[in-house]
C-alpha atoms as a PDB file:
ATOM      1  CA  MET A   1     176.351 110.123  82.849  1.00  0.00           C
ATOM      2  CA  ALA A   2     174.151 112.718  81.182  1.00  0.00           C
ATOM      3  CA  LEU A   3     171.894 111.483  78.414  1.00  0.00           C
ATOM      4  CA  LEU A   4     172.328 113.270  75.081  1.00  0.00           C
ATOM      5  CA  ALA A   5     169.029 113.019  73.237  1.00  0.00           C
ATOM      6  CA  ALA A   6     168.901 113.914  69.573  1.00  0.00           C
ATOM      7  CA  LEU A   7     165.874 116.061  68.893  1.00  0.00           C
ATOM      8  CA  THR A   8     165.150 117.961  65.690  1.00  0.00           C
ATOM      9  CA  ILE A   9     163.334 121.279  65.841  1.00  0.00           C
ATOM     10  CA  LEU A  10     162.724 123.432  62.771  1.00  0.00           C
ATOM     11  CA  ALA A  11     163.342 127.092  63.256  1.00  0.00           C
ATOM     12  CA  MET A  12     160.392 127.516  60.917  1.00  0.00           C
ATOM     13  CA  SER A  13     158.013 124.647  60.187  1.00  0.00           C
ATOM     14  CA  ALA A  14     157.886 125.691  56.561  1.00  0.00           C
ATOM     15  CA  LEU A  15     161.303 125.784  54.930  1.00  0.00           C
ATOM     16  CA  TRP A  16     161.076 129.336  53.691  1.00  0.00           C
ATOM     17  CA  PRO A  17     164.234 131.424  53.497  1.00  0.00           C
ATOM     18  CA  THR A  18     164.070 133.143  56.846  1.00  0.00           C
ATOM     19  CA  ALA A  19     166.201 133.707  59.914  1.00  0.00           C
ATOM     20  CA  ALA A  20     166.497 131.240  62.758  1.00  0.00           C
ATOM     21  CA  ARG A  21     167.951 131.658  66.175  1.00  0.00           C
ATOM     22  CA  ALA A  22     169.275 129.243  68.764  1.00  0.00           C
ATOM     23  CA  ALA A  23     171.319 129.381  71.941  1.00  0.00           C
ATOM     24  CA  THR A  24     174.486 127.315  72.135  1.00  0.00           C
ATOM     25  CA  ASP A  25     175.741 125.594  75.260  1.00  0.00           C
ATOM     26  CA  GLU A  26     177.627 128.788  76.109  1.00  0.00           C
ATOM     27  CA  ASP A  27     174.303 130.644  76.042  1.00  0.00           C
ATOM     28  CA  SER A  28     175.452 132.806  73.128  1.00  0.00           C
ATOM     29  CA  GLU A  29     172.705 133.387  70.602  1.00  0.00           C
ATOM     30  CA  VAL A  30     173.224 132.217  67.038  1.00  0.00           C
ATOM     31  CA  ARG A  31     171.059 133.716  64.303  1.00  0.00           C
ATOM     32  CA  TRP A  32     171.268 132.784  60.654  1.00  0.00           C
ATOM     33  CA  SER A  33     169.370 132.585  57.374  1.00  0.00           C
ATOM     34  CA  VAL A  34     169.572 130.382  54.275  1.00  0.00           C
ATOM     35  CA  VAL A  35     168.372 131.518  50.838  1.00  0.00           C
ATOM     36  CA  PRO A  36     168.985 130.613  47.185  1.00  0.00           C
ATOM     37  CA  ALA A  37     171.727 132.724  45.621  1.00  0.00           C
ATOM     38  CA  ASP A  38     173.921 133.367  42.619  1.00  0.00           C
ATOM     39  CA  ALA A  39     177.670 133.950  42.608  1.00  0.00           C
ATOM     40  CA  SER A  40     177.290 137.466  44.027  1.00  0.00           C
ATOM     41  CA  GLY A  41     174.834 136.678  46.826  1.00  0.00           C
ATOM     42  CA  PRO A  42     171.101 136.196  47.521  1.00  0.00           C
ATOM     43  CA  ASP A  43     169.137 136.586  44.280  1.00  0.00           C
ATOM     44  CA  GLY A  44     165.595 137.107  45.601  1.00  0.00           C
ATOM     45  CA  ARG A  45     164.359 133.558  45.116  1.00  0.00           C
ATOM     46  CA  ARG A  46     162.340 132.023  47.938  1.00  0.00           C
ATOM     47  CA  ALA A  47     162.860 128.482  46.641  1.00  0.00           C
ATOM     48  CA  VAL A  48     164.632 126.611  43.888  1.00  0.00           C
ATOM     49  CA  GLU A  49     162.121 125.457  41.281  1.00  0.00           C
ATOM     50  CA  ILE A  50     163.563 123.992  38.111  1.00  0.00           C
ATOM     51  CA  GLU A  51     162.570 121.705  35.252  1.00  0.00           C
ATOM     52  CA  MET A  52     165.150 119.097  34.233  1.00  0.00           C
ATOM     53  CA  ASP A  53     165.508 116.140  31.900  1.00  0.00           C
ATOM     54  CA  PRO A  54     166.336 112.642  33.152  1.00  0.00           C
ATOM     55  CA  GLY A  55     170.112 112.296  33.356  1.00  0.00           C
ATOM     56  CA  GLU A  56     170.670 116.068  33.495  1.00  0.00           C
ATOM     57  CA  THR A  57     172.830 117.839  36.102  1.00  0.00           C
ATOM     58  CA  ILE A  58     172.649 121.517  37.045  1.00  0.00           C
ATOM     59  CA  GLU A  59     174.766 123.666  39.341  1.00  0.00           C
ATOM     60  CA  ASP A  60     173.253 126.222  41.724  1.00  0.00           C
ATOM     61  CA  ARG A  61     174.115 128.119  44.900  1.00  0.00           C
ATOM     62  CA  PHE A  62     172.687 129.239  48.206  1.00  0.00           C
ATOM     63  CA  ALA A  63     173.805 131.787  50.783  1.00  0.00           C
ATOM     64  CA  VAL A  64     174.249 131.127  54.502  1.00  0.00           C
ATOM     65  CA  ARG A  65     174.272 134.346  56.492  1.00  0.00           C
ATOM     66  CA  ASN A  66     175.488 134.410  60.096  1.00  0.00           C
ATOM     67  CA  ILE A  67     173.659 137.263  61.792  1.00  0.00           C
ATOM     68  CA  GLY A  68     175.412 136.697  65.116  1.00  0.00           C
ATOM     69  CA  ASP A  69     178.829 137.922  66.227  1.00  0.00           C
ATOM     70  CA  ALA A  70     180.711 134.626  66.649  1.00  0.00           C
ATOM     71  CA  GLU A  71     181.990 132.297  63.952  1.00  0.00           C
ATOM     72  CA  VAL A  72     179.719 129.275  63.504  1.00  0.00           C
ATOM     73  CA  VAL A  73     180.101 125.941  61.754  1.00  0.00           C
ATOM     74  CA  PHE A  74     176.753 124.970  60.216  1.00  0.00           C
ATOM     75  CA  ALA A  75     175.840 121.430  59.199  1.00  0.00           C
ATOM     76  CA  LEU A  76     174.340 121.280  55.698  1.00  0.00           C
ATOM     77  CA  THR A  77     171.663 118.741  54.802  1.00  0.00           C
ATOM     78  CA  ALA A  78     169.572 117.828  51.768  1.00  0.00           C
ATOM     79  CA  ALA A  79     166.584 115.507  52.197  1.00  0.00           C
ATOM     80  CA  ASP A  80     163.246 114.535  50.670  1.00  0.00           C
ATOM     81  CA  GLY A  81     160.519 117.115  51.191  1.00  0.00           C
ATOM     82  CA  PHE A  82     156.895 116.737  52.199  1.00  0.00           C
ATOM     83  CA  TYR A  83     153.930 118.744  53.434  1.00  0.00           C
ATOM     84  CA  THR A  84     152.703 118.321  56.986  1.00  0.00           C
ATOM     85  CA  ARG A  85     149.042 117.862  57.905  1.00  0.00           C
ATOM     86  CA  SER A  86     148.828 121.596  58.510  1.00  0.00           C
ATOM     87  CA  GLY A  87     150.090 122.256  54.978  1.00  0.00           C
ATOM     88  CA  ARG A  88     153.593 123.432  55.855  1.00  0.00           C
ATOM     89  CA  PHE A  89     156.642 122.246  53.944  1.00  0.00           C
ATOM     90  CA  ASP A  90     159.225 120.183  55.819  1.00  0.00           C
ATOM     91  CA  ILE A  91     162.021 117.718  55.105  1.00  0.00           C
ATOM     92  CA  LEU A  92     162.740 114.311  56.573  1.00  0.00           C
ATOM     93  CA  ALA A  93     164.353 114.208  59.996  1.00  0.00           C
ATOM     94  CA  ALA A  94     168.006 113.285  60.303  1.00  0.00           C
ATOM     95  CA  ASP A  95     167.165 109.690  61.257  1.00  0.00           C
ATOM     96  CA  LYS A  96     165.033 109.153  58.117  1.00  0.00           C
ATOM     97  CA  GLU A  97     166.565 108.042  54.825  1.00  0.00           C
ATOM     98  CA  SER A  98     165.713 109.934  51.645  1.00  0.00           C
ATOM     99  CA  VAL A  99     164.717 107.888  48.603  1.00  0.00           C
ATOM    100  CA  ASP A 100     163.801 110.543  46.041  1.00  0.00           C
ATOM    101  CA  ALA A 101     164.858 114.092  45.215  1.00  0.00           C
ATOM    102  CA  GLY A 102     166.815 114.461  48.437  1.00  0.00           C
ATOM    103  CA  THR A 103     169.330 111.964  47.052  1.00  0.00           C
ATOM    104  CA  TRP A 104     169.768 113.977  43.855  1.00  0.00           C
ATOM    105  CA  ILE A 105     171.377 116.918  45.667  1.00  0.00           C
ATOM    106  CA  SER A 106     175.120 117.079  46.338  1.00  0.00           C
ATOM    107  CA  LEU A 107     176.520 119.717  48.710  1.00  0.00           C
ATOM    108  CA  PRO A 108     179.251 120.129  51.337  1.00  0.00           C
ATOM    109  CA  GLU A 109     178.663 118.590  54.757  1.00  0.00           C
ATOM    110  CA  THR A 110     179.451 121.816  56.625  1.00  0.00           C
ATOM    111  CA  VAL A 111     180.140 125.490  56.075  1.00  0.00           C
ATOM    112  CA  THR A 112     181.985 127.881  58.397  1.00  0.00           C
ATOM    113  CA  VAL A 113     180.557 131.403  58.458  1.00  0.00           C
ATOM    114  CA  PRO A 114     182.255 134.254  60.368  1.00  0.00           C
ATOM    115  CA  GLY A 115     180.194 136.510  62.604  1.00  0.00           C
ATOM    116  CA  GLY A 116     178.172 138.946  60.520  1.00  0.00           C
ATOM    117  CA  GLY A 117     179.329 137.249  57.324  1.00  0.00           C
ATOM    118  CA  THR A 118     177.727 135.446  54.397  1.00  0.00           C
ATOM    119  CA  VAL A 119     179.135 132.446  52.559  1.00  0.00           C
ATOM    120  CA  ILE A 120     177.960 131.297  49.122  1.00  0.00           C
ATOM    121  CA  VAL A 121     177.704 127.511  48.995  1.00  0.00           C
ATOM    122  CA  PRO A 122     177.568 125.644  45.667  1.00  0.00           C
ATOM    123  CA  PHE A 123     175.396 122.575  45.210  1.00  0.00           C
ATOM    124  CA  SER A 124     174.297 120.398  42.314  1.00  0.00           C
ATOM    125  CA  ILE A 125     171.158 118.503  41.326  1.00  0.00           C
ATOM    126  CA  SER A 126     171.593 115.341  39.258  1.00  0.00           C
ATOM    127  CA  VAL A 127     168.422 113.691  37.995  1.00  0.00           C
ATOM    128  CA  PRO A 128     168.736 109.906  37.513  1.00  0.00           C
ATOM    129  CA  ASP A 129     168.275 108.535  34.019  1.00  0.00           C
ATOM    130  CA  ARG A 130     165.170 106.603  35.080  1.00  0.00           C
ATOM    131  CA  ALA A 131     163.553 109.324  37.166  1.00  0.00           C
ATOM    132  CA  GLU A 132     159.780 109.405  36.799  1.00  0.00           C
ATOM    133  CA  PRO A 133     158.285 112.469  35.094  1.00  0.00           C
ATOM    134  CA  GLY A 134     156.605 115.003  37.303  1.00  0.00           C
ATOM    135  CA  ASP A 135     157.303 116.978  40.458  1.00  0.00           C
ATOM    136  CA  HIS A 136     159.822 115.863  43.088  1.00  0.00           C
ATOM    137  CA  ALA A 137     160.321 117.772  46.346  1.00  0.00           C
ATOM    138  CA  ALA A 138     163.385 118.168  48.532  1.00  0.00           C
ATOM    139  CA  GLY A 139     164.894 120.779  50.804  1.00  0.00           C
ATOM    140  CA  ILE A 140     168.280 122.123  51.872  1.00  0.00           C
ATOM    141  CA  THR A 141     168.949 123.222  55.458  1.00  0.00           C
ATOM    142  CA  ALA A 142     171.737 124.680  57.528  1.00  0.00           C
ATOM    143  CA  SER A 143     171.636 123.655  61.173  1.00  0.00           C
ATOM    144  CA  ILE A 144     173.447 123.792  64.479  1.00  0.00           C
ATOM    145  CA  LEU A 145     173.298 121.450  67.474  1.00  0.00           C
ATOM    146  CA  SER A 146     172.912 123.087  70.854  1.00  0.00           C
ATOM    147  CA  VAL A 147     172.745 121.504  74.302  1.00  0.00           C
ATOM    148  CA  LYS A 148     169.873 122.132  76.697  1.00  0.00           C
ATOM    149  CA  GLN A 149     169.365 120.998  80.274  1.00  0.00           C
ATOM    150  CA  ALA A 150     166.217 118.958  80.861  1.00  0.00           C
ATOM    151  CA  ASP A 151     164.205 119.219  84.080  1.00  0.00           C
ATOM    152  CA  ASP A 152     165.830 116.046  85.411  1.00  0.00           C
ATOM    153  CA  GLY A 153     169.313 117.432  84.855  1.00  0.00           C
ATOM    154  CA  THR A 154     170.128 115.445  81.724  1.00  0.00           C
ATOM    155  CA  SER A 155     171.629 117.103  78.678  1.00  0.00           C
ATOM    156  CA  VAL A 156     169.439 117.255  75.604  1.00  0.00           C
ATOM    157  CA  GLY A 157     170.814 117.958  72.148  1.00  0.00           C
ATOM    158  CA  VAL A 158     168.535 120.174  70.089  1.00  0.00           C
ATOM    159  CA  GLU A 159     169.088 120.578  66.345  1.00  0.00           C
ATOM    160  CA  SER A 160     167.794 123.907  65.035  1.00  0.00           C
ATOM    161  CA  ARG A 161     167.646 124.250  61.278  1.00  0.00           C
ATOM    162  CA  VAL A 162     166.378 126.560  58.578  1.00  0.00           C
ATOM    163  CA  GLY A 163     166.378 126.197  54.823  1.00  0.00           C
ATOM    164  CA  PHE A 164     164.477 126.389  51.567  1.00  0.00           C
ATOM    165  CA  ARG A 165     162.582 124.154  49.158  1.00  0.00           C
ATOM    166  CA  VAL A 166     164.080 122.524  46.100  1.00  0.00           C
ATOM    167  CA  LEU A 167     161.329 121.487  43.685  1.00  0.00           C
ATOM    168  CA  THR A 168     162.384 119.614  40.561  1.00  0.00           C
ATOM    169  CA  ARG A 169     160.026 118.827  37.699  1.00  0.00           C
ATOM    170  CA  VAL A 170     161.346 115.968  35.594  1.00  0.00           C
ATOM    171  CA  SER A 171     160.329 116.363  31.966  1.00  0.00           C
ATOM    172  CA  GLY A 172     158.146 113.771  30.296  1.00  0.00           C
ATOM    173  CA  GLU A 173     154.436 112.996  30.304  1.00  0.00           C
ATOM    174  CA  ILE A 174     152.723 115.250  32.843  1.00  0.00           C
ATOM    175  CA  THR A 175     149.442 113.768  34.099  1.00  0.00           C
ATOM    176  CA  PRO A 176     147.720 115.855  36.768  1.00  0.00           C
ATOM    177  CA  ALA A 177     144.808 114.110  38.475  1.00  0.00           C
ATOM    178  CA  ALA A 178     142.884 114.382  41.730  1.00  0.00           C
ATOM    179  CA  SER A 179     140.095 112.571  43.553  1.00  0.00           C
ATOM    180  CA  LEU A 180     137.914 112.842  46.642  1.00  0.00           C
ATOM    181  CA  ALA A 181     137.697 110.158  49.317  1.00  0.00           C
ATOM    182  CA  SER A 182     136.463 109.479  52.857  1.00  0.00           C
ATOM    183  CA  LEU A 183     133.564 111.927  52.865  1.00  0.00           C
ATOM    184  CA  ALA A 184     131.909 112.297  56.236  1.00  0.00           C
ATOM    185  CA  GLY A 185     129.388 114.754  57.582  1.00  0.00           C
ATOM    186  CA  GLY A 186     128.177 115.942  60.953  1.00  0.00           C
ATOM    187  CA  TYR A 187     125.630 118.398  62.243  1.00  0.00           C
ATOM    188  CA  THR A 188     125.818 120.780  65.182  1.00  0.00           C
ATOM    189  CA  THR A 189     122.389 121.716  66.469  1.00  0.00           C
ATOM    190  CA  SER A 190     121.456 125.178  67.601  1.00  0.00           C
ATOM    191  CA  TRP A 191     119.272 124.673  70.663  1.00  0.00           C
ATOM    192  CA  ASN A 192     117.408 127.817  69.767  1.00  0.00           C
ATOM    193  CA  PRO A 193     114.602 126.282  67.667  1.00  0.00           C
ATOM    194  CA  LEU A 194     114.296 129.502  65.693  1.00  0.00           C
ATOM    195  CA  ARG A 195     117.903 129.396  64.487  1.00  0.00           C
ATOM    196  CA  PRO A 196     119.580 126.965  62.044  1.00  0.00           C
ATOM    197  CA  GLY A 197     122.654 124.896  62.927  1.00  0.00           C
ATOM    198  CA  GLU A 198     125.945 124.038  61.235  1.00  0.00           C
ATOM    199  CA  ALA A 199     126.858 121.206  58.887  1.00  0.00           C
ATOM    200  CA  THR A 200     130.463 119.993  58.978  1.00  0.00           C
ATOM    201  CA  VAL A 201     131.865 118.113  55.986  1.00  0.00           C
ATOM    202  CA  THR A 202     135.244 116.366  56.164  1.00  0.00           C
ATOM    203  CA  PHE A 203     136.906 114.810  53.133  1.00  0.00           C
ATOM    204  CA  ASP A 204     140.276 113.753  51.745  1.00  0.00           C
ATOM    205  CA  VAL A 205     141.796 115.298  48.642  1.00  0.00           C
ATOM    206  CA  VAL A 206     144.093 112.807  46.907  1.00  0.00           C
ATOM    207  CA  ASN A 207     146.719 113.896  44.385  1.00  0.00           C
ATOM    208  CA  GLU A 208     146.732 110.948  41.984  1.00  0.00           C
ATOM    209  CA  GLY A 209     148.841 112.641  39.313  1.00  0.00           C
ATOM    210  CA  ASN A 210     152.521 113.525  39.055  1.00  0.00           C
ATOM    211  CA  THR A 211     152.319 117.299  39.513  1.00  0.00           C
ATOM    212  CA  ARG A 212     151.728 119.626  42.412  1.00  0.00           C
ATOM    213  CA  LEU A 213     148.122 120.675  42.977  1.00  0.00           C
ATOM    214  CA  LEU A 214     146.320 123.374  44.918  1.00  0.00           C
ATOM    215  CA  ALA A 215     143.150 122.097  46.594  1.00  0.00           C
ATOM    216  CA  GLU A 216     140.291 124.494  45.884  1.00  0.00           C
ATOM    217  CA  GLY A 217     136.544 124.053  45.530  1.00  0.00           C
ATOM    218  CA  SER A 218     133.249 124.307  47.359  1.00  0.00           C
ATOM    219  CA  VAL A 219     130.896 122.431  49.687  1.00  0.00           C
ATOM    220  CA  SER A 220     127.118 122.706  49.336  1.00  0.00           C
ATOM    221  CA  ALA A 221     124.684 121.614  52.043  1.00  0.00           C
ATOM    222  CA  GLY A 222     121.148 122.601  52.948  1.00  0.00           C
ATOM    223  CA  GLY A 223     120.896 125.138  50.140  1.00  0.00           C
ATOM    224  CA  ARG A 224     124.095 126.957  51.119  1.00  0.00           C
ATOM    225  CA  THR A 225     127.543 126.886  49.480  1.00  0.00           C
ATOM    226  CA  VAL A 226     130.892 127.558  51.146  1.00  0.00           C
ATOM    227  CA  PHE A 227     134.146 127.833  49.186  1.00  0.00           C
ATOM    228  CA  PHE A 228     137.502 126.505  50.318  1.00  0.00           C
ATOM    229  CA  PRO A 229     139.985 127.821  51.103  1.00  0.00           C
ATOM    230  CA  GLY A 230     138.161 130.536  52.995  1.00  0.00           C
ATOM    231  CA  VAL A 231     138.773 134.258  52.793  1.00  0.00           C
ATOM    232  CA  GLY A 232     142.310 135.025  53.925  1.00  0.00           C
ATOM    233  CA  GLU A 233     143.382 131.360  53.776  1.00  0.00           C
ATOM    234  CA  SER A 234     145.943 129.885  51.396  1.00  0.00           C
ATOM    235  CA  PRO A 235     145.110 126.848  49.247  1.00  0.00           C
ATOM    236  CA  GLN A 236     146.476 123.536  50.464  1.00  0.00           C
ATOM    237  CA  GLU A 237     149.321 122.385  48.204  1.00  0.00           C
ATOM    238  CA  LEU A 238     149.661 118.662  47.520  1.00  0.00           C
ATOM    239  CA  LEU A 239     152.682 116.901  46.130  1.00  0.00           C
ATOM    240  CA  PRO A 240     152.184 113.836  43.906  1.00  0.00           C
ATOM    241  CA  GLY A 241     150.824 111.017  46.035  1.00  0.00           C
ATOM    242  CA  ASP A 242     149.773 113.316  48.884  1.00  0.00           C
ATOM    243  CA  THR A 243     146.460 113.012  50.702  1.00  0.00           C
ATOM    244  CA  ARG A 244     145.169 116.006  52.623  1.00  0.00           C
ATOM    245  CA  THR A 245     142.166 116.044  54.955  1.00  0.00           C
ATOM    246  CA  ILE A 246     140.025 119.173  54.692  1.00  0.00           C
ATOM    247  CA  THR A 247     137.118 120.196  56.913  1.00  0.00           C
ATOM    248  CA  VAL A 248     134.529 122.757  55.810  1.00  0.00           C
ATOM    249  CA  VAL A 249     131.787 124.189  58.019  1.00  0.00           C
ATOM    250  CA  VAL A 250     128.546 125.279  56.335  1.00  0.00           C
ATOM    251  CA  ASP A 251     126.498 127.514  58.622  1.00  0.00           C
ATOM    252  CA  ASP A 252     122.789 128.394  58.590  1.00  0.00           C
ATOM    253  CA  VAL A 253     121.644 124.871  57.692  1.00  0.00           C
ATOM    254  CA  TRP A 254     118.219 123.878  58.962  1.00  0.00           C
ATOM    255  CA  PRO A 255     117.837 120.367  60.391  1.00  0.00           C
ATOM    256  CA  LEU A 256     115.601 118.463  57.997  1.00  0.00           C
ATOM    257  CA  PHE A 257     116.368 114.938  59.228  1.00  0.00           C
ATOM    258  CA  VAL A 258     118.508 114.273  56.119  1.00  0.00           C
ATOM    259  CA  VAL A 259     120.673 116.997  54.564  1.00  0.00           C
ATOM    260  CA  PRO A 260     122.423 116.135  51.271  1.00  0.00           C
ATOM    261  CA  ALA A 261     125.929 117.563  50.857  1.00  0.00           C
ATOM    262  CA  THR A 262     128.061 117.886  47.727  1.00  0.00           C
ATOM    263  CA  VAL A 263     131.810 118.509  47.592  1.00  0.00           C
ATOM    264  CA  THR A 264     133.147 120.004  44.367  1.00  0.00           C
ATOM    265  CA  LEU A 265     136.924 119.907  43.933  1.00  0.00           C
ATOM    266  CA  ALA A 266     138.417 122.201  41.286  1.00  0.00           C
ATOM    267  CA  PRO A 267     142.170 121.658  41.764  1.00  0.00           C
ATOM    268  CA  THR A 268     144.730 123.995  40.267  1.00  0.00           C
ATOM    269  CA  VAL A 269     147.866 122.589  38.631  1.00  0.00           C
ATOM    270  CA  VAL A 270     151.009 124.472  39.703  1.00  0.00           C
ATOM    271  CA  THR A 271     153.528 125.063  36.926  1.00  0.00           C
ATOM    272  CA  MET A 272     157.174 126.076  37.039  1.00  0.00           C
ATOM    273  CA  SER A 273     156.372 129.422  35.410  1.00  0.00           C
ATOM    274  CA  ASP A 274     153.942 130.436  38.197  1.00  0.00           C
ATOM    275  CA  SER A 275     151.027 130.059  35.803  1.00  0.00           C
ATOM    276  CA  SER A 276     148.267 127.575  36.575  1.00  0.00           C
ATOM    277  CA  ASP A 277     145.762 125.326  34.910  1.00  0.00           C
ATOM    278  CA  THR A 278     142.506 124.125  36.430  1.00  0.00           C
ATOM    279  CA  LEU A 279     141.475 120.501  36.138  1.00  0.00           C
ATOM    280  CA  ASP A 280     137.907 119.448  35.429  1.00  0.00           C
ATOM    281  CA  PRO A 281     135.911 119.560  38.678  1.00  0.00           C
ATOM    282  CA  VAL A 282     135.531 116.379  40.697  1.00  0.00           C
ATOM    283  CA  THR A 283     132.360 115.941  42.770  1.00  0.00           C
ATOM    284  CA  ALA A 284     131.288 113.600  45.543  1.00  0.00           C
ATOM    285  CA  ASP A 285     128.102 113.403  47.626  1.00  0.00           C
ATOM    286  CA  ALA A 286     127.444 112.693  51.274  1.00  0.00           C
ATOM    287  CA  VAL A 287     124.378 112.454  53.494  1.00  0.00           C
ATOM    288  CA  ILE A 288     124.244 114.277  56.826  1.00  0.00           C
ATOM    289  CA  TRP A 289     121.781 113.265  59.507  1.00  0.00           C
ATOM    290  CA  ALA A 290     120.332 116.403  61.058  1.00  0.00           C
ATOM    291  CA  MET A 291     117.654 115.636  63.625  1.00  0.00           C
ATOM    292  CA  PRO A 292     115.553 118.714  64.444  1.00  0.00           C
ATOM    293  CA  TRP A 293     115.458 118.040  68.182  1.00  0.00           C
ATOM    294  CA  PRO A 294     114.820 121.648  69.278  1.00  0.00           C
ATOM    295  CA  GLN A 295     112.035 122.020  66.738  1.00  0.00           C
ATOM    296  CA  LEU A 296     110.546 118.660  67.732  1.00  0.00           C
ATOM    297  CA  LEU A 297     110.687 119.644  71.396  1.00  0.00           C
ATOM    298  CA  LEU A 298     109.036 122.954  70.532  1.00  0.00           C
ATOM    299  CA  LEU A 299     106.296 121.181  68.597  1.00  0.00           C
ATOM    300  CA  ALA A 300     105.886 118.706  71.443  1.00  0.00           C
ATOM    301  CA  GLY A 301     105.567 121.602  73.882  1.00  0.00           C
ATOM    302  CA  ILE A 302     103.010 123.323  71.684  1.00  0.00           C
ATOM    303  CA  ALA A 303     101.115 120.049  71.323  1.00  0.00           C
ATOM    304  CA  LEU A 304     101.085 119.595  75.119  1.00  0.00           C
ATOM    305  CA  ILE A 305      99.784 123.129  75.610  1.00  0.00           C
ATOM    306  CA  VAL A 306      97.048 122.618  72.995  1.00  0.00           C
ATOM    307  CA  TRP A 307      96.167 119.260  74.525  1.00  0.00           C
ATOM    308  CA  ALA A 308      96.050 120.823  78.005  1.00  0.00           C
ATOM    309  CA  ILE A 309      93.763 123.607  76.753  1.00  0.00           C
ATOM    310  CA  LEU A 310      91.454 121.160  74.952  1.00  0.00           C
ATOM    311  CA  TRP A 311      91.460 118.784  77.902  1.00  0.00           C
ATOM    312  CA  GLY A 312      90.682 121.662  80.278  1.00  0.00           C
ATOM    313  CA  HIS A 313      87.903 122.832  77.990  1.00  0.00           C
ATOM    314  CA  LEU A 314      86.496 119.292  77.780  1.00  0.00           C
ATOM    315  CA  ARG A 315      86.646 118.883  81.552  1.00  0.00           C
ATOM    316  CA  SER A 316      84.905 122.232  81.999  1.00  0.00           C
ATOM    317  CA  ARG A 317      82.132 121.162  79.624  1.00  0.00           C
ATOM    318  CA  ARG A 318      81.777 117.867  81.418  1.00  0.00           C
ATOM    319  CA  ARG A 319      81.723 119.610  84.790  1.00  0.00           C
ATOM    320  CA  LEU A 320      79.111 122.090  83.555  1.00  0.00           C
ATOM    321  CA  ALA A 321      77.013 119.271  82.091  1.00  0.00           C
ATOM    322  CA  ALA A 322      77.298 117.376  85.371  1.00  0.00           C
ATOM    323  CA  MET A 323      76.240 120.471  87.314  1.00  0.00           C
ATOM    324  CA  LEU A 324      73.243 121.001  84.999  1.00  0.00           C
ATOM    325  CA  ASP A 325      72.247 117.351  85.266  1.00  0.00           C
ATOM    326  CA  GLY A 326      72.559 117.599  89.037  1.00  0.00           C
ATOM    327  CA  ALA A 327      70.452 120.751  89.101  1.00  0.00           C
ATOM    328  CA  ARG A 328      67.794 119.108  86.917  1.00  0.00           C
ATOM    329  CA  ALA A 329      67.750 116.017  89.069  1.00  0.00           C
ATOM    330  CA  GLN A 330      67.515 118.122  92.205  1.00  0.00           C
ATOM    331  CA  ALA A 331      64.683 120.195  90.756  1.00  0.00           C
ATOM    332  CA  LEU A 332      62.861 117.049  89.686  1.00  0.00           C
ATOM    333  CA  GLU A 333      63.302 115.529  93.127  1.00  0.00           C
ATOM    334  CA  GLU A 334      62.071 118.687  94.789  1.00  0.00           C
ATOM    335  CA  GLY A 335      59.010 118.658  92.497  1.00  0.00           C
ATOM    336  CA  ARG A 336      58.270 115.097  93.437  1.00  0.00           C
ATOM    337  CA  GLU A 337      58.623 115.857  97.128  1.00  0.00           C
ATOM    338  CA  GLN A 338      56.251 118.772  96.806  1.00  0.00           C
ATOM    339  CA  GLY A 339      53.713 116.580  94.976  1.00  0.00           C
ATOM    340  CA  ARG A 340      53.843 113.979  97.659  1.00  0.00           C
ATOM    341  CA  SER A 341      53.366 116.607 100.358  1.00  0.00           C
ATOM    342  CA  GLU A 342      50.319 118.042  98.637  1.00  0.00           C
ATOM    343  CA  ALA A 343      48.777 114.578  98.291  1.00  0.00           C
ATOM    344  CA  LYS A 344      48.968 113.970 102.037  1.00  0.00           C
ATOM    345  CA  THR A 345      47.275 117.255 103.053  1.00  0.00           C
ATOM    346  CA  PRO A 346      43.367 116.882 103.975  1.00  0.00           C
ATOM    347  CA  ALA A 347      40.930 118.746 101.822  1.00  0.00           C
ATOM    348  CA  GLY A 348      39.512 121.925 103.423  1.00  0.00           C
ATOM    349  CA  ILE A 349      35.712 122.416 104.375  1.00  0.00           C
ATOM    350  CA  ALA A 350      33.951 125.065 102.361  1.00  0.00           C
END
C-alpha cells in the first residue's frame, strides 16, 4: 500500500500576493494567485493591515484567481503568522494549532474557481474582548494537494499554497521596545602581514515591545563602522516577541590582540499608516580577540635575520681576532727560534 505523506511546501516562502504553480496527479499544471480585494476585484493591496479595537469585527475580501484552464477546488486556510530566520513571512503548518490572530479570522473552507476565472471570497476578523494591545500577525492561503511519486515508488502528498499577510494592530497602550543579546565576535586573519583582516560580530535583536520593528543600526570595530542592513538589503522585520540573529562583517580591521566592538541598534517602529518612528538607540559592547600571527611571524623572521647577521658578524670578528692572535703567536715563536739559532752559532775570527 502506497504511503501518503503530508508535506507542506509554500509556493513562495514569503506570503506575498503572487502566483503559484503546481502539478496535479494528472500532470496538469495549476497556477493561481491570492490577493486582498474589494467587491469588484483585486484592489492593489499587498497585505491586509488594519487597526481594530478589542471586541470589534470587520468584514473584508480577497480574490483567488485560477490562471490555469481547468476548474480547481482550493482549500482556504487562516493561521498565525511568523517570520523565518531568513526574515521571510510564513504561517503555521497545517499540523500546528494557531493560538493568536489566526483564530480571529473566519472564512470558507474551500472555494471553487473555474479555469481562467477569479472568485471574490469574503472573510471576517473578530478581535477578542481581552486581546492584548499591539501587533498580531496571521496569514490567509489558498492551497491544493497534489500527489508525487517518491524514488521508492511511494505516493507523497504535497500541499502547495500561496497567500497574503493579515496584520492586526489592537488599539490600546503601544509600547515599542528592543534590546541586544548574545553578542559574540570573531576575527578572520589575513595571512598577508601587510593587509588587515575581518572582524565578525553576531548578535540577537529582541523585540520586547508590542509593535513591529525594523532592525537597523551599526557595528563599530577597530576604528571602522559598518551599517546594517547593508546596501541593497532590506531591514529585518520583527514581530512582538521575536528574536532575530544578525551577523555583520567589518573589514579592514588590524589585529591588535584585543579589538573592542560596539553594536548600536536604532530600531524603527512600523505603523499602520506606513510612517515610522525611531526608538532611542540601544548599544552593547563586545571584545574580539585578534592575534596578529602573520605580523608576529614577520617580526620573528626579521628578528632571526638580524640575529643571523649579528651572529655572523660576531663570528667573523672572533675568527679575525683568532687569526691575528695566531699570527702574533707564530711571529713570536719564529722570533724566539731565530734568537735561539743565533745564540748557538760560534763567533767568527777577525
